[in-house]
N, C-alpha and C. Protein backbone atom coordinates (compact mmCIF):
# COMPACT_ATOMS: atom_id res chain seq x y z
N MET A 1 18.67 45.91 142.42
CA MET A 1 19.50 47.10 143.01
C MET A 1 20.01 46.98 144.00
N THR A 2 21.18 47.05 144.13
CA THR A 2 22.42 46.76 145.15
C THR A 2 22.91 48.09 145.74
N ASN A 3 23.52 47.55 147.27
CA ASN A 3 24.22 49.03 147.79
C ASN A 3 25.44 49.40 147.03
N LYS A 4 25.70 48.46 146.56
CA LYS A 4 27.01 49.21 145.67
C LYS A 4 26.25 50.65 144.55
N ASP A 5 25.35 50.19 143.90
CA ASP A 5 24.74 51.21 142.90
C ASP A 5 24.09 52.56 143.95
N ILE A 6 23.25 52.47 144.77
CA ILE A 6 22.72 53.39 145.76
C ILE A 6 24.02 54.04 146.45
N ALA A 7 24.67 53.21 147.04
CA ALA A 7 25.65 54.12 148.04
C ALA A 7 26.13 55.48 147.38
N PRO A 8 26.80 55.77 146.20
CA PRO A 8 27.43 57.03 145.86
C PRO A 8 26.02 58.28 145.87
N HIS A 9 24.85 57.76 145.45
CA HIS A 9 24.06 58.72 145.34
C HIS A 9 22.98 59.18 146.84
N LEU A 10 23.17 57.77 147.57
CA LEU A 10 23.00 58.10 148.96
C LEU A 10 23.79 59.11 149.68
N LEU A 11 25.06 58.78 149.41
CA LEU A 11 26.36 59.58 150.33
C LEU A 11 26.08 61.04 149.77
N ARG A 12 25.76 61.37 148.44
CA ARG A 12 25.80 62.49 147.61
C ARG A 12 24.81 63.35 148.20
N THR A 13 23.40 62.37 148.44
CA THR A 13 22.05 63.30 148.82
C THR A 13 22.43 63.47 150.56
N LEU A 14 22.82 62.80 151.42
CA LEU A 14 23.06 63.20 152.81
C LEU A 14 23.85 64.31 152.65
N ALA A 15 24.97 64.34 151.81
CA ALA A 15 26.06 65.28 152.01
C ALA A 15 25.60 66.67 151.95
N ALA A 16 24.79 66.96 150.65
CA ALA A 16 24.10 68.09 150.25
C ALA A 16 22.55 68.43 151.30
N LEU A 17 22.30 67.44 151.54
CA LEU A 17 20.82 67.57 153.03
C LEU A 17 21.72 68.29 154.29
N GLN A 18 22.74 67.49 154.50
CA GLN A 18 23.48 67.90 155.80
C GLN A 18 24.03 69.32 155.77
N SER A 19 24.80 69.77 154.83
CA SER A 19 25.39 70.67 154.48
C SER A 19 24.26 72.01 154.22
N GLU A 20 22.64 71.87 154.19
CA GLU A 20 21.68 72.68 154.52
C GLU A 20 21.56 72.91 155.49
N GLY A 21 21.88 71.95 156.18
CA GLY A 21 21.42 72.11 157.97
C GLY A 21 19.53 71.24 157.54
N LYS A 22 19.51 70.51 156.68
CA LYS A 22 18.11 69.90 156.92
C LYS A 22 18.26 68.49 157.43
N THR A 23 16.97 68.32 158.47
CA THR A 23 16.85 66.94 159.13
C THR A 23 16.31 65.91 158.06
N VAL A 24 17.28 64.97 158.21
CA VAL A 24 17.39 63.57 157.38
C VAL A 24 16.44 62.72 158.27
N THR A 25 15.54 62.09 156.89
CA THR A 25 15.00 60.60 157.57
C THR A 25 15.00 59.49 156.20
N LEU A 26 14.82 58.28 156.50
CA LEU A 26 14.45 56.86 155.56
C LEU A 26 13.81 57.85 154.42
N ASP A 27 12.31 58.14 155.01
CA ASP A 27 11.28 58.97 154.21
C ASP A 27 11.67 59.99 152.99
N THR A 28 12.64 61.03 153.42
CA THR A 28 13.12 61.91 153.00
C THR A 28 14.41 61.34 151.60
N LEU A 29 15.18 60.65 152.23
CA LEU A 29 15.90 60.15 151.22
C LEU A 29 15.19 59.00 150.14
N THR A 30 14.45 58.58 150.52
CA THR A 30 13.60 57.31 149.30
C THR A 30 12.68 58.47 148.37
N ALA A 31 12.24 59.41 149.05
CA ALA A 31 11.82 60.44 148.21
C ALA A 31 12.50 61.11 147.46
N ALA A 32 13.97 61.39 147.84
CA ALA A 32 14.84 62.18 147.08
C ALA A 32 15.21 61.33 146.13
N LEU A 33 15.65 60.18 146.35
CA LEU A 33 16.12 59.11 145.48
C LEU A 33 15.36 58.47 144.42
N ALA A 34 14.24 58.28 144.77
CA ALA A 34 13.12 57.79 144.44
C ALA A 34 13.45 56.13 143.94
N VAL A 35 13.45 55.63 145.39
CA VAL A 35 13.95 54.31 145.28
C VAL A 35 13.51 53.55 146.09
N ARG A 36 13.01 51.87 146.12
CA ARG A 36 12.06 51.88 147.16
C ARG A 36 12.70 51.92 148.43
N ARG A 37 11.81 51.80 149.59
CA ARG A 37 12.64 52.60 150.93
C ARG A 37 13.39 50.93 151.69
N THR A 38 13.13 49.80 151.10
CA THR A 38 14.15 48.36 151.67
C THR A 38 15.25 48.93 150.81
N ASP A 39 15.86 49.18 149.76
CA ASP A 39 16.82 49.48 149.14
C ASP A 39 17.24 50.40 149.93
N VAL A 40 16.52 51.81 150.10
CA VAL A 40 17.74 52.36 150.86
C VAL A 40 17.93 52.10 152.51
N ARG A 41 16.71 51.71 153.18
CA ARG A 41 17.29 50.83 154.67
C ARG A 41 19.07 49.96 154.29
N ARG A 42 18.19 49.41 153.15
CA ARG A 42 19.74 48.31 153.42
C ARG A 42 20.89 48.74 153.23
N ALA A 43 21.20 49.94 152.19
CA ALA A 43 22.27 50.66 152.03
C ALA A 43 22.53 51.37 153.16
N ILE A 44 21.73 52.00 153.80
CA ILE A 44 21.96 52.94 154.99
C ILE A 44 22.82 52.10 156.19
N THR A 45 22.45 50.82 156.27
CA THR A 45 23.02 49.54 157.05
C THR A 45 24.20 49.53 156.77
N ALA A 46 24.40 49.67 155.53
CA ALA A 46 26.00 48.70 155.22
C ALA A 46 27.17 50.06 155.26
N LEU A 47 26.16 51.39 155.22
CA LEU A 47 27.21 52.69 155.46
C LEU A 47 27.65 52.67 156.44
N HIS A 48 26.08 51.96 157.74
CA HIS A 48 26.68 52.43 159.33
C HIS A 48 27.82 51.52 158.96
N ARG A 49 27.49 50.30 159.09
CA ARG A 49 28.67 49.08 159.41
C ARG A 49 30.34 49.71 158.94
N GLU A 50 29.74 50.22 157.75
CA GLU A 50 31.35 50.40 157.07
C GLU A 50 31.94 51.88 157.80
N GLY A 51 31.23 52.71 158.49
CA GLY A 51 31.60 53.49 159.49
C GLY A 51 31.63 55.20 158.13
N TYR A 52 30.75 55.06 157.51
CA TYR A 52 30.75 56.06 156.74
C TYR A 52 29.43 56.99 157.05
N LEU A 53 28.22 56.34 158.12
CA LEU A 53 27.30 57.04 158.33
C LEU A 53 26.87 56.58 159.91
N ASP A 54 26.35 57.29 160.44
CA ASP A 54 25.69 57.12 161.53
C ASP A 54 24.37 57.11 161.62
N ALA A 55 23.39 55.93 161.62
CA ALA A 55 22.40 55.26 161.22
C ALA A 55 21.27 56.11 162.14
N VAL A 56 21.76 56.09 163.18
CA VAL A 56 20.89 56.76 164.45
C VAL A 56 20.43 58.06 164.30
N ARG A 57 21.45 58.94 164.20
CA ARG A 57 21.40 60.41 164.56
C ARG A 57 21.22 60.69 162.35
N MET A 58 21.15 59.94 161.76
CA MET A 58 20.94 60.14 159.66
C MET A 58 21.87 61.38 159.90
N ARG A 59 23.34 60.88 160.33
CA ARG A 59 24.23 62.06 160.15
C ARG A 59 25.77 61.15 159.26
N LEU A 60 26.45 61.73 158.42
CA LEU A 60 27.62 61.32 157.73
C LEU A 60 28.73 61.37 158.85
N THR A 61 29.42 60.49 158.73
CA THR A 61 30.73 60.61 159.60
C THR A 61 31.70 61.51 158.55
N PHE A 62 32.88 61.87 159.31
CA PHE A 62 33.99 62.51 158.18
C PHE A 62 34.29 61.74 157.11
N ARG A 63 34.40 60.78 157.27
CA ARG A 63 34.91 59.81 156.07
C ARG A 63 33.68 59.79 155.41
N GLY A 64 32.35 59.65 155.78
CA GLY A 64 31.24 59.65 154.70
C GLY A 64 31.04 61.16 153.54
N LEU A 65 31.18 62.09 154.84
CA LEU A 65 31.08 63.58 154.05
C LEU A 65 32.20 63.72 152.88
N ALA A 66 33.45 63.18 153.42
CA ALA A 66 34.47 63.12 152.21
C ALA A 66 33.69 62.40 151.31
N LEU A 67 33.90 61.90 151.15
CA LEU A 67 32.86 60.59 150.09
C LEU A 67 31.91 61.44 149.12
N GLY A 68 31.18 62.05 150.11
CA GLY A 68 29.70 62.77 149.53
C GLY A 68 30.16 63.90 149.00
N ALA A 69 31.34 64.70 149.32
CA ALA A 69 31.87 65.52 149.07
C ALA A 69 32.24 65.05 147.45
N ALA A 70 32.94 64.33 147.20
CA ALA A 70 34.09 64.07 146.19
C ALA A 70 32.66 63.57 145.50
N PHE A 71 31.41 62.45 145.48
CA PHE A 71 30.52 62.63 144.45
C PHE A 71 29.69 63.51 144.13
N ALA A 72 29.68 64.88 144.72
CA ALA A 72 29.21 65.69 144.26
C ALA A 72 29.59 66.19 143.27
N ALA A 73 31.18 66.35 143.31
CA ALA A 73 31.82 66.77 142.14
C ALA A 73 32.13 65.78 141.11
N ALA A 74 31.49 64.68 140.80
CA ALA A 74 31.59 63.31 140.22
C ALA A 74 30.29 63.34 139.36
N PRO A 75 30.60 62.94 137.87
CA PRO A 75 29.11 62.44 137.46
C PRO A 75 29.04 60.63 137.63
N LEU A 76 27.66 60.60 138.54
CA LEU A 76 27.50 59.08 138.80
C LEU A 76 26.85 58.67 137.92
N ARG A 77 26.72 57.20 137.93
CA ARG A 77 25.99 56.14 136.99
C ARG A 77 24.57 56.39 137.17
N PRO A 78 23.86 56.40 136.73
CA PRO A 78 22.14 56.47 136.85
C PRO A 78 21.41 55.49 137.49
N LEU A 79 20.69 55.67 138.51
CA LEU A 79 20.24 54.37 139.05
C LEU A 79 19.63 53.23 138.67
N ARG A 80 18.74 53.71 137.55
CA ARG A 80 18.29 53.02 136.77
C ARG A 80 18.84 52.94 135.45
N ARG A 81 18.64 51.93 134.60
CA ARG A 81 18.60 51.74 133.20
C ARG A 81 17.87 52.40 132.36
N ALA A 82 18.27 52.51 131.09
CA ALA A 82 17.34 53.27 130.12
C ALA A 82 16.58 52.06 129.76
N PRO A 83 15.43 52.06 129.54
CA PRO A 83 15.01 50.92 128.85
C PRO A 83 15.34 50.71 127.61
N GLN A 84 15.38 49.05 127.12
CA GLN A 84 16.10 48.96 125.84
C GLN A 84 14.73 49.05 124.81
N ARG A 85 14.80 49.53 123.96
CA ARG A 85 13.38 49.51 122.56
C ARG A 85 13.45 47.78 122.44
N ALA A 86 12.19 47.45 122.05
CA ALA A 86 12.05 45.98 121.42
C ALA A 86 12.47 45.77 120.31
N VAL A 87 12.99 44.49 120.09
CA VAL A 87 13.92 44.66 119.16
C VAL A 87 12.78 44.15 117.79
N LYS A 88 12.27 44.47 116.92
CA LYS A 88 11.21 43.66 115.95
C LYS A 88 11.95 42.77 115.34
N ALA A 89 11.22 41.21 115.25
CA ALA A 89 11.70 40.29 114.53
C ALA A 89 11.33 40.65 112.99
N ALA A 90 12.16 40.45 111.86
CA ALA A 90 12.31 40.12 110.78
C ALA A 90 11.38 39.26 110.20
């Protein structure tokens, strides 16, 4: 799973939690997204470097909040692909 896959879901979740005034931690995000902790941490680091998230305070910047709000209104690709059925050999 890449940062590109997780980032929209992460921004949307952070925007929702931040607007409710809830405290956000790495464990909170890991549980909310049901994704491995290392993948979430890597995505947080990338978003911090790009200026969308303050990783120390675990708060979105204005740019991140704008993107999170936009992602809240749009359908996102699922984080996991649906399992493909095994094809029987004839």
